[in-house]
């Protein structure tokens, strides 16, 4: 089970930190990712991190502004979002993927999803 939190209302240029609390000892063995879905749009990849946290990848739209990290001891995934823009407004979902060591940005590779947390950025 995944529980995302940390969303809110923020002015453009501001920052938010999302958290995703996981239950179950398999957290440290799986790829984790963040996705987002804006109104009227499809769910899109934001970022992913490998089991050990050594490798990460990002969507071009958030590169240099967002940072994904994980604390396997705390069973928690994070997304630090800086320099937020109105186009970042969306529901953000954390997701668990396969136990492979490789990165993925494909929605269908992730099989366990949290409930989502809303991020609203106003100008």
PDB file of N, CA and C in Angstrom:
ATOM      1  N   UNK A   1       0.843  -1.194   0.000  1.00  0.00           N
ATOM      2  CA  UNK A   1       0.000   0.000   0.000  1.00  0.00           C
ATOM      3  C   UNK A   1       0.878   1.245   0.000  1.00  0.00           C
ATOM      4  N   UNK A   2       0.467   2.264  -0.762  1.00  0.00           N
ATOM      5  CA  UNK A   2       1.216   3.511  -0.872  1.00  0.00           C
ATOM      6  C   UNK A   2       0.321   4.674  -0.489  1.00  0.00           C
ATOM      7  N   UNK A   3       0.864   5.607   0.277  1.00  0.00           N
ATOM      8  CA  UNK A   3       0.101   6.759   0.743  1.00  0.00           C
ATOM      9  C   UNK A   3       0.901   8.021   0.442  1.00  0.00           C
ATOM     10  N   UNK A   4       0.431   8.794  -0.542  1.00  0.00           N
ATOM     11  CA  UNK A   4       1.106  10.032  -0.920  1.00  0.00           C
ATOM     12  C   UNK A   4       0.576  11.202  -0.111  1.00  0.00           C
ATOM     13  N   UNK A   5       1.457  12.153   0.172  1.00  0.00           N
ATOM     14  CA  UNK A   5       1.074  13.356   0.914  1.00  0.00           C
ATOM     15  C   UNK A   5       2.010  14.497   0.536  1.00  0.00           C
ATOM     16  N   UNK A   6       1.663  15.701   0.982  1.00  0.00           N
ATOM     17  CA  UNK A   6       2.531  16.847   0.778  1.00  0.00           C
ATOM     18  C   UNK A   6       2.071  17.825  -0.280  1.00  0.00           C
ATOM     19  N   UNK A   7       1.003  17.498  -0.970  1.00  0.00           N
ATOM     20  CA  UNK A   7       0.500  18.403  -1.978  1.00  0.00           C
ATOM     21  C   UNK A   7      -0.106  19.646  -1.336  1.00  0.00           C
ATOM     22  N   UNK A   8      -0.407  20.632  -2.171  1.00  0.00           N
ATOM     23  CA  UNK A   8      -1.009  21.848  -1.655  1.00  0.00           C
ATOM     24  C   UNK A   8      -1.057  22.930  -2.706  1.00  0.00           C
ATOM     25  N   UNK A   9      -1.367  24.129  -2.229  1.00  0.00           N
ATOM     26  CA  UNK A   9      -1.476  25.312  -3.083  1.00  0.00           C
ATOM     27  C   UNK A   9      -0.216  26.143  -2.910  1.00  0.00           C
ATOM     28  N   UNK A  10       0.440  26.465  -4.012  1.00  0.00           N
ATOM     29  CA  UNK A  10       1.699  27.201  -3.931  1.00  0.00           C
ATOM     30  C   UNK A  10       1.805  28.175  -5.090  1.00  0.00           C
ATOM     31  N   UNK A  11       2.454  29.294  -4.824  1.00  0.00           N
ATOM     32  CA  UNK A  11       2.652  30.290  -5.865  1.00  0.00           C
ATOM     33  C   UNK A  11       3.780  29.842  -6.799  1.00  0.00           C
ATOM     34  N   UNK A  12       3.687  30.252  -8.047  1.00  0.00           N
ATOM     35  CA  UNK A  12       4.735  29.935  -9.020  1.00  0.00           C
ATOM     36  C   UNK A  12       6.093  30.388  -8.481  1.00  0.00           C
ATOM     37  N   UNK A  13       7.084  29.522  -8.670  1.00  0.00           N
ATOM     38  CA  UNK A  13       8.411  29.780  -8.135  1.00  0.00           C
ATOM     39  C   UNK A  13       8.647  29.162  -6.776  1.00  0.00           C
ATOM     40  N   UNK A  14       7.580  28.697  -6.158  1.00  0.00           N
ATOM     41  CA  UNK A  14       7.694  28.095  -4.832  1.00  0.00           C
ATOM     42  C   UNK A  14       8.096  26.636  -4.885  1.00  0.00           C
ATOM     43  N   UNK A  15       8.097  26.023  -3.711  1.00  0.00           N
ATOM     44  CA  UNK A  15       8.544  24.633  -3.579  1.00  0.00           C
ATOM     45  C   UNK A  15       7.555  23.823  -2.756  1.00  0.00           C
ATOM     46  N   UNK A  16       7.547  22.539  -3.029  1.00  0.00           N
ATOM     47  CA  UNK A  16       6.801  21.569  -2.239  1.00  0.00           C
ATOM     48  C   UNK A  16       7.613  20.289  -2.178  1.00  0.00           C
ATOM     49  N   UNK A  17       7.398  19.533  -1.118  1.00  0.00           N
ATOM     50  CA  UNK A  17       8.026  18.224  -1.014  1.00  0.00           C
ATOM     51  C   UNK A  17       6.940  17.178  -0.826  1.00  0.00           C
ATOM     52  N   UNK A  18       6.843  16.293  -1.766  1.00  0.00           N
ATOM     53  CA  UNK A  18       5.884  15.199  -1.670  1.00  0.00           C
ATOM     54  C   UNK A  18       6.539  14.000  -0.995  1.00  0.00           C
ATOM     55  N   UNK A  19       5.729  13.277  -0.242  1.00  0.00           N
ATOM     56  CA  UNK A  19       6.185  12.040   0.388  1.00  0.00           C
ATOM     57  C   UNK A  19       5.243  10.914   0.011  1.00  0.00           C
ATOM     58  N   UNK A  20       5.773   9.733   0.014  1.00  0.00           N
ATOM     59  CA  UNK A  20       4.967   8.542  -0.264  1.00  0.00           C
ATOM     60  C   UNK A  20       5.397   7.466   0.713  1.00  0.00           C
ATOM     61  N   UNK A  21       4.515   7.171   1.655  1.00  0.00           N
ATOM     62  CA  UNK A  21       4.797   6.162   2.671  1.00  0.00           C
ATOM     63  C   UNK A  21       4.330   4.807   2.179  1.00  0.00           C
ATOM     64  N   UNK A  22       5.208   3.833   2.272  1.00  0.00           N
ATOM     65  CA  UNK A  22       4.879   2.491   1.817  1.00  0.00           C
ATOM     66  C   UNK A  22       4.770   1.540   2.996  1.00  0.00           C
ATOM     67  N   UNK A  23       3.953   0.556   2.827  1.00  0.00           N
ATOM     68  CA  UNK A  23       3.872  -0.505   3.827  1.00  0.00           C
ATOM     69  C   UNK A  23       4.320  -1.799   3.174  1.00  0.00           C
ATOM     70  N   UNK A  24       4.990  -2.624   3.917  1.00  0.00           N
ATOM     71  CA  UNK A  24       5.479  -3.858   3.340  1.00  0.00           C
ATOM     72  C   UNK A  24       6.979  -3.824   3.161  1.00  0.00           C
ATOM     73  N   UNK A  25       7.607  -4.945   3.421  1.00  0.00           N
ATOM     74  CA  UNK A  25       9.060  -4.979   3.386  1.00  0.00           C
ATOM     75  C   UNK A  25       9.631  -5.047   1.991  1.00  0.00           C
ATOM     76  N   UNK A  26       8.776  -5.105   0.950  1.00  0.00           N
ATOM     77  CA  UNK A  26       9.289  -5.195  -0.411  1.00  0.00           C
ATOM     78  C   UNK A  26       9.687  -3.843  -0.979  1.00  0.00           C
ATOM     79  N   UNK A  27       9.433  -2.750  -0.247  1.00  0.00           N
ATOM     80  CA  UNK A  27       9.703  -1.407  -0.752  1.00  0.00           C
ATOM     81  C   UNK A  27      11.127  -1.288  -1.256  1.00  0.00           C
ATOM     82  N   UNK A  28      12.078  -1.753  -0.499  1.00  0.00           N
ATOM     83  CA  UNK A  28      13.478  -1.569  -0.862  1.00  0.00           C
ATOM     84  C   UNK A  28      13.897  -2.417  -2.058  1.00  0.00           C
ATOM     85  N   UNK A  29      13.038  -3.299  -2.512  1.00  0.00           N
ATOM     86  CA  UNK A  29      13.377  -4.195  -3.615  1.00  0.00           C
ATOM     87  C   UNK A  29      12.789  -3.788  -4.954  1.00  0.00           C
ATOM     88  N   UNK A  30      12.062  -2.682  -4.980  1.00  0.00           N
ATOM     89  CA  UNK A  30      11.362  -2.333  -6.217  1.00  0.00           C
ATOM     90  C   UNK A  30      11.691  -0.927  -6.692  1.00  0.00           C
ATOM     91  N   UNK A  31      11.542  -0.771  -7.993  1.00  0.00           N
ATOM     92  CA  UNK A  31      11.615   0.547  -8.614  1.00  0.00           C
ATOM     93  C   UNK A  31      10.441   1.390  -8.128  1.00  0.00           C
ATOM     94  N   UNK A  32      10.679   2.659  -7.847  1.00  0.00           N
ATOM     95  CA  UNK A  32       9.611   3.557  -7.426  1.00  0.00           C
ATOM     96  C   UNK A  32       9.556   4.758  -8.352  1.00  0.00           C
ATOM     97  N   UNK A  33       8.358   5.306  -8.512  1.00  0.00           N
ATOM     98  CA  UNK A  33       8.226   6.433  -9.426  1.00  0.00           C
ATOM     99  C   UNK A  33       7.136   7.395  -9.006  1.00  0.00           C
ATOM    100  N   UNK A  34       7.202   8.568  -9.618  1.00  0.00           N
ATOM    101  CA  UNK A  34       6.148   9.578  -9.481  1.00  0.00           C
ATOM    102  C   UNK A  34       5.574   9.847 -10.870  1.00  0.00           C
ATOM    103  N   UNK A  35       4.269   9.942 -10.900  1.00  0.00           N
ATOM    104  CA  UNK A  35       3.543  10.302 -12.107  1.00  0.00           C
ATOM    105  C   UNK A  35       2.579  11.427 -11.751  1.00  0.00           C
ATOM    106  N   UNK A  36       2.043  12.083 -12.757  1.00  0.00           N
ATOM    107  CA  UNK A  36       1.059  13.122 -12.493  1.00  0.00           C
ATOM    108  C   UNK A  36       0.001  13.128 -13.584  1.00  0.00           C
ATOM    109  N   UNK A  37      -1.158  13.637 -13.209  1.00  0.00           N
ATOM    110  CA  UNK A  37      -2.259  13.723 -14.156  1.00  0.00           C
ATOM    111  C   UNK A  37      -2.963  15.047 -13.973  1.00  0.00           C
ATOM    112  N   UNK A  38      -2.910  15.858 -15.019  1.00  0.00           N
ATOM    113  CA  UNK A  38      -3.592  17.149 -15.013  1.00  0.00           C
ATOM    114  C   UNK A  38      -5.010  16.954 -15.533  1.00  0.00           C
ATOM    115  N   UNK A  39      -5.921  17.865 -15.199  1.00  0.00           N
ATOM    116  CA  UNK A  39      -7.307  17.728 -15.668  1.00  0.00           C
ATOM    117  C   UNK A  39      -7.388  17.614 -17.184  1.00  0.00           C
ATOM    118  N   UNK A  40      -8.099  16.597 -17.641  1.00  0.00           N
ATOM    119  CA  UNK A  40      -8.288  16.418 -19.068  1.00  0.00           C
ATOM    120  C   UNK A  40      -7.111  15.829 -19.808  1.00  0.00           C
ATOM    121  N   UNK A  41      -6.085  15.446 -19.068  1.00  0.00           N
ATOM    122  CA  UNK A  41      -4.891  14.898 -19.706  1.00  0.00           C
ATOM    123  C   UNK A  41      -4.623  13.491 -19.198  1.00  0.00           C
ATOM    124  N   UNK A  42      -3.784  12.787 -19.936  1.00  0.00           N
ATOM    125  CA  UNK A  42      -3.406  11.443 -19.521  1.00  0.00           C
ATOM    126  C   UNK A  42      -2.355  11.503 -18.416  1.00  0.00           C
ATOM    127  N   UNK A  43      -2.259  10.414 -17.682  1.00  0.00           N
ATOM    128  CA  UNK A  43      -1.230  10.328 -16.653  1.00  0.00           C
ATOM    129  C   UNK A  43       0.138  10.302 -17.328  1.00  0.00           C
ATOM    130  N   UNK A  44       1.069  11.074 -16.774  1.00  0.00           N
ATOM    131  CA  UNK A  44       2.386  11.160 -17.383  1.00  0.00           C
ATOM    132  C   UNK A  44       3.494  10.924 -16.366  1.00  0.00           C
ATOM    133  N   UNK A  45       4.586  10.429 -16.866  1.00  0.00           N
ATOM    134  CA  UNK A  45       5.753  10.147 -16.047  1.00  0.00           C
ATOM    135  C   UNK A  45       6.397  11.446 -15.569  1.00  0.00           C
ATOM    136  N   UNK A  46       6.840  11.421 -14.298  1.00  0.00           N
ATOM    137  CA  UNK A  46       7.577  12.546 -13.740  1.00  0.00           C
ATOM    138  C   UNK A  46       9.015  12.132 -13.434  1.00  0.00           C
ATOM    139  N   UNK A  47       9.154  11.061 -12.634  1.00  0.00           N
ATOM    140  CA  UNK A  47      10.494  10.658 -12.220  1.00  0.00           C
ATOM    141  C   UNK A  47      10.457   9.238 -11.668  1.00  0.00           C
ATOM    142  N   UNK A  48      11.606   8.580 -11.713  1.00  0.00           N
ATOM    143  CA  UNK A  48      11.719   7.246 -11.136  1.00  0.00           C
ATOM    144  C   UNK A  48      13.091   7.077 -10.503  1.00  0.00           C
ATOM    145  N   UNK A  49      13.164   6.107  -9.589  1.00  0.00           N
ATOM    146  CA  UNK A  49      14.405   5.856  -8.871  1.00  0.00           C
ATOM    147  C   UNK A  49      14.561   4.361  -8.665  1.00  0.00           C
ATOM    148  N   UNK A  50      15.778   3.865  -8.855  1.00  0.00           N
ATOM    149  CA  UNK A  50      16.010   2.441  -8.708  1.00  0.00           C
ATOM    150  C   UNK A  50      15.976   2.026  -7.243  1.00  0.00           C
ATOM    151  N   UNK A  51      16.031   0.721  -7.038  1.00  0.00           N
ATOM    152  CA  UNK A  51      15.884   0.145  -5.705  1.00  0.00           C
ATOM    153  C   UNK A  51      16.866   0.740  -4.702  1.00  0.00           C
ATOM    154  N   UNK A  52      18.099   0.908  -5.133  1.00  0.00           N
ATOM    155  CA  UNK A  52      19.130   1.407  -4.221  1.00  0.00           C
ATOM    156  C   UNK A  52      19.189   2.922  -4.167  1.00  0.00           C
ATOM    157  N   UNK A  53      18.516   3.576  -5.098  1.00  0.00           N
ATOM    158  CA  UNK A  53      18.558   5.028  -5.159  1.00  0.00           C
ATOM    159  C   UNK A  53      19.721   5.585  -5.957  1.00  0.00           C
ATOM    160  N   UNK A  54      20.536   4.719  -6.519  1.00  0.00           N
ATOM    161  CA  UNK A  54      21.720   5.171  -7.244  1.00  0.00           C
ATOM    162  C   UNK A  54      21.358   5.838  -8.560  1.00  0.00           C
ATOM    163  N   UNK A  55      20.345   5.301  -9.229  1.00  0.00           N
ATOM    164  CA  UNK A  55      19.981   5.843 -10.545  1.00  0.00           C
ATOM    165  C   UNK A  55      18.585   6.447 -10.519  1.00  0.00           C
ATOM    166  N   UNK A  56      18.462   7.573 -11.236  1.00  0.00           N
ATOM    167  CA  UNK A  56      17.185   8.257 -11.334  1.00  0.00           C
ATOM    168  C   UNK A  56      16.971   8.735 -12.774  1.00  0.00           C
ATOM    169  N   UNK A  57      15.721   8.966 -13.116  1.00  0.00           N
ATOM    170  CA  UNK A  57      15.447   9.628 -14.385  1.00  0.00           C
ATOM    171  C   UNK A  57      14.265  10.573 -14.212  1.00  0.00           C
ATOM    172  N   UNK A  58      14.175  11.538 -15.125  1.00  0.00           N
ATOM    173  CA  UNK A  58      13.175  12.594 -15.020  1.00  0.00           C
ATOM    174  C   UNK A  58      12.583  12.900 -16.388  1.00  0.00           C
ATOM    175  N   UNK A  59      11.344  13.348 -16.365  1.00  0.00           N
ATOM    176  CA  UNK A  59      10.747  13.913 -17.565  1.00  0.00           C
ATOM    177  C   UNK A  59      11.481  15.214 -17.884  1.00  0.00           C
ATOM    178  N   UNK A  60      11.587  15.516 -19.157  1.00  0.00           N
ATOM    179  CA  UNK A  60      12.299  16.725 -19.569  1.00  0.00           C
ATOM    180  C   UNK A  60      11.682  17.977 -18.938  1.00  0.00           C
ATOM    181  N   UNK A  61      10.377  17.953 -18.740  1.00  0.00           N
ATOM    182  CA  UNK A  61       9.675  19.132 -18.239  1.00  0.00           C
ATOM    183  C   UNK A  61      10.022  19.463 -16.785  1.00  0.00           C
ATOM    184  N   UNK A  62      10.585  18.503 -16.051  1.00  0.00           N
ATOM    185  CA  UNK A  62      10.886  18.759 -14.632  1.00  0.00           C
ATOM    186  C   UNK A  62      12.371  18.671 -14.329  1.00  0.00           C
ATOM    187  N   UNK A  63      13.164  18.312 -15.322  1.00  0.00           N
ATOM    188  CA  UNK A  63      14.602  18.157 -15.109  1.00  0.00           C
ATOM    189  C   UNK A  63      15.203  19.462 -14.598  1.00  0.00           C
ATOM    190  N   UNK A  64      16.025  19.339 -13.573  1.00  0.00           N
ATOM    191  CA  UNK A  64      16.663  20.508 -12.998  1.00  0.00           C
ATOM    192  C   UNK A  64      15.836  21.220 -11.949  1.00  0.00           C
ATOM    193  N   UNK A  65      14.563  20.847 -11.828  1.00  0.00           N
ATOM    194  CA  UNK A  65      13.680  21.486 -10.839  1.00  0.00           C
ATOM    195  C   UNK A  65      13.212  20.489  -9.781  1.00  0.00           C
ATOM    196  N   UNK A  66      13.010  19.248 -10.171  1.00  0.00           N
ATOM    197  CA  UNK A  66      12.517  18.216  -9.256  1.00  0.00           C
ATOM    198  C   UNK A  66      13.639  17.244  -8.920  1.00  0.00           C
ATOM    199  N   UNK A  67      13.591  16.712  -7.690  1.00  0.00           N
ATOM    200  CA  UNK A  67      14.557  15.712  -7.264  1.00  0.00           C
ATOM    201  C   UNK A  67      13.825  14.577  -6.558  1.00  0.00           C
ATOM    202  N   UNK A  68      14.038  13.369  -7.047  1.00  0.00           N
ATOM    203  CA  UNK A  68      13.445  12.195  -6.424  1.00  0.00           C
ATOM    204  C   UNK A  68      14.473  11.555  -5.502  1.00  0.00           C
ATOM    205  N   UNK A  69      13.981  11.013  -4.399  1.00  0.00           N
ATOM    206  CA  UNK A  69      14.867  10.310  -3.476  1.00  0.00           C
ATOM    207  C   UNK A  69      14.041   9.289  -2.708  1.00  0.00           C
ATOM    208  N   UNK A  70      14.733   8.410  -2.018  1.00  0.00           N
ATOM    209  CA  UNK A  70      14.034   7.413  -1.226  1.00  0.00           C
ATOM    210  C   UNK A  70      14.845   7.081   0.020  1.00  0.00           C
ATOM    211  N   UNK A  71      14.121   6.699   1.051  1.00  0.00           N
ATOM    212  CA  UNK A  71      14.735   6.242   2.284  1.00  0.00           C
ATOM    213  C   UNK A  71      14.184   4.849   2.543  1.00  0.00           C
ATOM    214  N   UNK A  72      14.962   3.848   2.198  1.00  0.00           N
ATOM    215  CA  UNK A  72      14.462   2.475   2.328  1.00  0.00           C
ATOM    216  C   UNK A  72      14.254   2.067   3.783  1.00  0.00           C
ATOM    217  N   UNK A  73      15.010   2.647   4.682  1.00  0.00           N
ATOM    218  CA  UNK A  73      14.830   2.326   6.097  1.00  0.00           C
ATOM    219  C   UNK A  73      13.490   2.842   6.615  1.00  0.00           C
ATOM    220  N   UNK A  74      13.054   3.975   6.061  1.00  0.00           N
ATOM    221  CA  UNK A  74      11.787   4.569   6.472  1.00  0.00           C
ATOM    222  C   UNK A  74      10.642   4.180   5.535  1.00  0.00           C
ATOM    223  N   UNK A  75      10.937   3.385   4.520  1.00  0.00           N
ATOM    224  CA  UNK A  75       9.917   2.969   3.544  1.00  0.00           C
ATOM    225  C   UNK A  75       9.217   4.178   2.932  1.00  0.00           C
ATOM    226  N   UNK A  76       9.980   5.182   2.577  1.00  0.00           N
ATOM    227  CA  UNK A  76       9.395   6.426   2.098  1.00  0.00           C
ATOM    228  C   UNK A  76      10.090   6.910   0.824  1.00  0.00           C
ATOM    229  N   UNK A  77       9.262   7.360  -0.100  1.00  0.00           N
ATOM    230  CA  UNK A  77       9.712   7.965  -1.354  1.00  0.00           C
ATOM    231  C   UNK A  77       9.422   9.455  -1.283  1.00  0.00           C
ATOM    232  N   UNK A  78      10.315  10.260  -1.863  1.00  0.00           N
ATOM    233  CA  UNK A  78      10.142  11.709  -1.832  1.00  0.00           C
ATOM    234  C   UNK A  78      10.232  12.295  -3.237  1.00  0.00           C
ATOM    235  N   UNK A  79       9.619  13.475  -3.365  1.00  0.00           N
ATOM    236  CA  UNK A  79       9.800  14.274  -4.576  1.00  0.00           C
ATOM    237  C   UNK A  79       9.901  15.728  -4.143  1.00  0.00           C
ATOM    238  N   UNK A  80      11.100  16.263  -4.221  1.00  0.00           N
ATOM    239  CA  UNK A  80      11.319  17.673  -3.935  1.00  0.00           C
ATOM    240  C   UNK A  80      11.072  18.457  -5.212  1.00  0.00           C
ATOM    241  N   UNK A  81      10.139  19.385  -5.142  1.00  0.00           N
ATOM    242  CA  UNK A  81       9.758  20.158  -6.330  1.00  0.00           C
ATOM    243  C   UNK A  81      10.076  21.624  -6.089  1.00  0.00           C
ATOM    244  N   UNK A  82      10.981  22.158  -6.860  1.00  0.00           N
ATOM    245  CA  UNK A  82      11.378  23.558  -6.754  1.00  0.00           C
ATOM    246  C   UNK A  82      10.997  24.320  -8.018  1.00  0.00           C
ATOM    247  N   UNK A  83      10.963  25.639  -7.899  1.00  0.00           N
ATOM    248  CA  UNK A  83      10.646  26.492  -9.045  1.00  0.00           C
ATOM    249  C   UNK A  83       9.375  26.003  -9.748  1.00  0.00           C
ATOM    250  N   UNK A  84       8.347  25.802  -8.979  1.00  0.00           N
ATOM    251  CA  UNK A  84       7.110  25.265  -9.537  1.00  0.00           C
ATOM    252  C   UNK A  84       6.465  26.241 -10.504  1.00  0.00           C
ATOM    253  N   UNK A  85       5.802  25.663 -11.514  1.00  0.00           N
ATOM    254  CA  UNK A  85       5.159  26.444 -12.558  1.00  0.00           C
ATOM    255  C   UNK A  85       3.682  26.063 -12.621  1.00  0.00           C
ATOM    256  N   UNK A  86       2.835  26.950 -13.128  1.00  0.00           N
ATOM    257  CA  UNK A  86       1.404  26.607 -13.224  1.00  0.00           C
ATOM    258  C   UNK A  86       1.160  25.304 -13.985  1.00  0.00           C
ATOM    259  N   UNK A  87       1.992  25.007 -14.950  1.00  0.00           N
ATOM    260  CA  UNK A  87       1.814  23.772 -15.726  1.00  0.00           C
ATOM    261  C   UNK A  87       2.180  22.517 -14.935  1.00  0.00           C
ATOM    262  N   UNK A  88       2.715  22.681 -13.725  1.00  0.00           N
ATOM    263  CA  UNK A  88       2.969  21.538 -12.850  1.00  0.00           C
ATOM    264  C   UNK A  88       1.709  21.137 -12.078  1.00  0.00           C
ATOM    265  N   UNK A  89       0.657  21.933 -12.197  1.00  0.00           N
ATOM    266  CA  UNK A  89      -0.586  21.636 -11.502  1.00  0.00           C
ATOM    267  C   UNK A  89      -1.142  20.292 -11.963  1.00  0.00           C
ATOM    268  N   UNK A  90      -1.367  19.396 -11.010  1.00  0.00           N
ATOM    269  CA  UNK A  90      -1.833  18.047 -11.321  1.00  0.00           C
ATOM    270  C   UNK A  90      -2.023  17.272 -10.020  1.00  0.00           C
ATOM    271  N   UNK A  91      -2.626  16.125 -10.159  1.00  0.00           N
ATOM    272  CA  UNK A  91      -2.605  15.157  -9.065  1.00  0.00           C
ATOM    273  C   UNK A  91      -1.342  14.320  -9.253  1.00  0.00           C
ATOM    274  N   UNK A  92      -0.571  14.211  -8.205  1.00  0.00           N
ATOM    275  CA  UNK A  92       0.676  13.469  -8.253  1.00  0.00           C
ATOM    276  C   UNK A  92       0.491  12.106  -7.572  1.00  0.00           C
ATOM    277  N   UNK A  93       0.935  11.083  -8.270  1.00  0.00           N
ATOM    278  CA  UNK A  93       0.804   9.710  -7.784  1.00  0.00           C
ATOM    279  C   UNK A  93       2.187   9.075  -7.606  1.00  0.00           C
ATOM    280  N   UNK A  94       2.350   8.371  -6.507  1.00  0.00           N
ATOM    281  CA  UNK A  94       3.534   7.544  -6.385  1.00  0.00           C
ATOM    282  C   UNK A  94       3.150   6.127  -6.807  1.00  0.00           C
ATOM    283  N   UNK A  95       4.137   5.405  -7.287  1.00  0.00           N
ATOM    284  CA  UNK A  95       3.856   4.072  -7.804  1.00  0.00           C
ATOM    285  C   UNK A  95       5.059   3.169  -7.595  1.00  0.00           C
ATOM    286  N   UNK A  96       4.759   1.900  -7.410  1.00  0.00           N
ATOM    287  CA  UNK A  96       5.797   0.882  -7.258  1.00  0.00           C
ATOM    288  C   UNK A  96       5.867   0.049  -8.530  1.00  0.00           C
ATOM    289  N   UNK A  97       7.094  -0.195  -8.953  1.00  0.00           N
ATOM    290  CA  UNK A  97       7.286  -0.940 -10.178  1.00  0.00           C
ATOM    291  C   UNK A  97       7.876  -2.313  -9.923  1.00  0.00           C
ATOM    292  N   UNK A  98       8.554  -2.855 -10.921  1.00  0.00           N
ATOM    293  CA  UNK A  98       9.107  -4.200 -10.795  1.00  0.00           C
ATOM    294  C   UNK A  98      10.353  -4.220  -9.919  1.00  0.00           C
ATOM    295  N   UNK A  99      10.767  -5.416  -9.595  1.00  0.00           N
ATOM    296  CA  UNK A  99      11.961  -5.566  -8.779  1.00  0.00           C
ATOM    297  C   UNK A  99      13.236  -5.599  -9.620  1.00  0.00           C
ATOM    298  N   UNK A 100      13.134  -5.218 -10.867  1.00  0.00           N
ATOM    299  CA  UNK A 100      14.325  -5.176 -11.714  1.00  0.00           C
ATOM    300  C   UNK A 100      15.209  -4.004 -11.308  1.00  0.00           C
ATOM    301  N   UNK A 101      16.488  -4.070 -11.654  1.00  0.00           N
ATOM    302  CA  UNK A 101      17.406  -2.986 -11.305  1.00  0.00           C
ATOM    303  C   UNK A 101      17.373  -1.812 -12.285  1.00  0.00           C
ATOM    304  N   UNK A 102      16.524  -1.910 -13.310  1.00  0.00           N
ATOM    305  CA  UNK A 102      16.527  -0.905 -14.359  1.00  0.00           C
ATOM    306  C   UNK A 102      15.476   0.162 -14.154  1.00  0.00           C
ATOM    307  N   UNK A 103      15.726   1.326 -14.698  1.00  0.00           N
ATOM    308  CA  UNK A 103      14.763   2.417 -14.653  1.00  0.00           C
ATOM    309  C   UNK A 103      13.668   2.212 -15.701  1.00  0.00           C
ATOM    310  N   UNK A 104      12.529   2.800 -15.441  1.00  0.00           N
ATOM    311  CA  UNK A 104      11.438   2.781 -16.410  1.00  0.00           C
ATOM    312  C   UNK A 104      10.645   4.056 -16.268  1.00  0.00           C
ATOM    313  N   UNK A 105      10.053   4.500 -17.367  1.00  0.00           N
ATOM    314  CA  UNK A 105       9.177   5.661 -17.342  1.00  0.00           C
ATOM    315  C   UNK A 105       7.798   5.303 -17.893  1.00  0.00           C
ATOM    316  N   UNK A 106       7.532   4.032 -18.009  1.00  0.00           N
ATOM    317  CA  UNK A 106       6.305   3.546 -18.620  1.00  0.00           C
ATOM    318  C   UNK A 106       5.256   3.253 -17.567  1.00  0.00           C
ATOM    319  N   UNK A 107       4.094   3.868 -17.735  1.00  0.00           N
ATOM    320  CA  UNK A 107       3.021   3.715 -16.755  1.00  0.00           C
ATOM    321  C   UNK A 107       2.702   2.250 -16.496  1.00  0.00           C
ATOM    322  N   UNK A 108       2.652   1.466 -17.526  1.00  0.00           N
ATOM    323  CA  UNK A 108       2.231   0.068 -17.394  1.00  0.00           C
ATOM    324  C   UNK A 108       3.262  -0.810 -16.692  1.00  0.00           C
ATOM    325  N   UNK A 109       4.478  -0.300 -16.496  1.00  0.00           N
ATOM    326  CA  UNK A 109       5.479  -1.058 -15.745  1.00  0.00           C
ATOM    327  C   UNK A 109       5.248  -0.972 -14.238  1.00  0.00           C
ATOM    328  N   UNK A 110       4.419  -0.039 -13.818  1.00  0.00           N
ATOM    329  CA  UNK A 110       4.177   0.186 -12.396  1.00  0.00           C
ATOM    330  C   UNK A 110       2.831  -0.430 -12.022  1.00  0.00           C
ATOM    331  N   UNK A 111       2.837  -1.296 -11.014  1.00  0.00           N
ATOM    332  CA  UNK A 111       1.646  -2.090 -10.743  1.00  0.00           C
ATOM    333  C   UNK A 111       0.968  -1.806  -9.407  1.00  0.00           C
ATOM    334  N   UNK A 112       1.538  -0.902  -8.621  1.00  0.00           N
ATOM    335  CA  UNK A 112       0.911  -0.529  -7.356  1.00  0.00           C
ATOM    336  C   UNK A 112       0.922   0.983  -7.263  1.00  0.00           C
ATOM    337  N   UNK A 113      -0.257   1.582  -7.017  1.00  0.00           N
ATOM    338  CA  UNK A 113      -0.387   3.034  -7.060  1.00  0.00           C
ATOM    339  C   UNK A 113      -0.950   3.567  -5.763  1.00  0.00           C
ATOM    340  N   UNK A 114      -0.464   4.743  -5.376  1.00  0.00           N
ATOM    341  CA  UNK A 114      -1.037   5.448  -4.240  1.00  0.00           C
ATOM    342  C   UNK A 114      -2.280   6.203  -4.690  1.00  0.00           C
ATOM    343  N   UNK A 115      -2.910   6.889  -3.747  1.00  0.00           N
ATOM    344  CA  UNK A 115      -4.177   7.552  -4.032  1.00  0.00           C
ATOM    345  C   UNK A 115      -4.022   8.924  -4.669  1.00  0.00           C
ATOM    346  N   UNK A 116      -2.838   9.483  -4.675  1.00  0.00           N
ATOM    347  CA  UNK A 116      -2.625  10.777  -5.293  1.00  0.00           C
ATOM    348  C   UNK A 116      -2.724  11.927  -4.316  1.00  0.00           C
ATOM    349  N   UNK A 117      -1.949  12.974  -4.595  1.00  0.00           N
ATOM    350  CA  UNK A 117      -2.001  14.202  -3.808  1.00  0.00           C
ATOM    351  C   UNK A 117      -2.003  15.371  -4.783  1.00  0.00           C
ATOM    352  N   UNK A 118      -2.871  16.341  -4.533  1.00  0.00           N
ATOM    353  CA  UNK A 118      -3.089  17.432  -5.470  1.00  0.00           C
ATOM    354  C   UNK A 118      -2.074  18.551  -5.254  1.00  0.00           C
ATOM    355  N   UNK A 119      -1.452  18.961  -6.346  1.00  0.00           N
ATOM    356  CA  UNK A 119      -0.554  20.109  -6.346  1.00  0.00           C
ATOM    357  C   UNK A 119      -1.153  21.170  -7.261  1.00  0.00           C
ATOM    358  N   UNK A 120      -1.362  22.360  -6.699  1.00  0.00           N
ATOM    359  CA  UNK A 120      -1.919  23.464  -7.473  1.00  0.00           C
ATOM    360  C   UNK A 120      -0.941  24.628  -7.416  1.00  0.00           C
ATOM    361  N   UNK A 121      -0.498  25.069  -8.584  1.00  0.00           N
ATOM    362  CA  UNK A 121       0.459  26.166  -8.671  1.00  0.00           C
ATOM    363  C   UNK A 121      -0.226  27.348  -9.347  1.00  0.00           C
ATOM    364  N   UNK A 122      -0.262  28.493  -8.664  1.00  0.00           N
ATOM    365  CA  UNK A 122      -0.906  29.671  -9.232  1.00  0.00           C
ATOM    366  C   UNK A 122       0.134  30.746  -9.519  1.00  0.00           C
ATOM    367  N   UNK A 123      -0.160  31.547 -10.523  1.00  0.00           N
ATOM    368  CA  UNK A 123       0.792  32.596 -10.935  1.00  0.00           C
ATOM    369  C   UNK A 123       0.413  33.928 -10.329  1.00  0.00           C
TER     370      UNK A 123
END
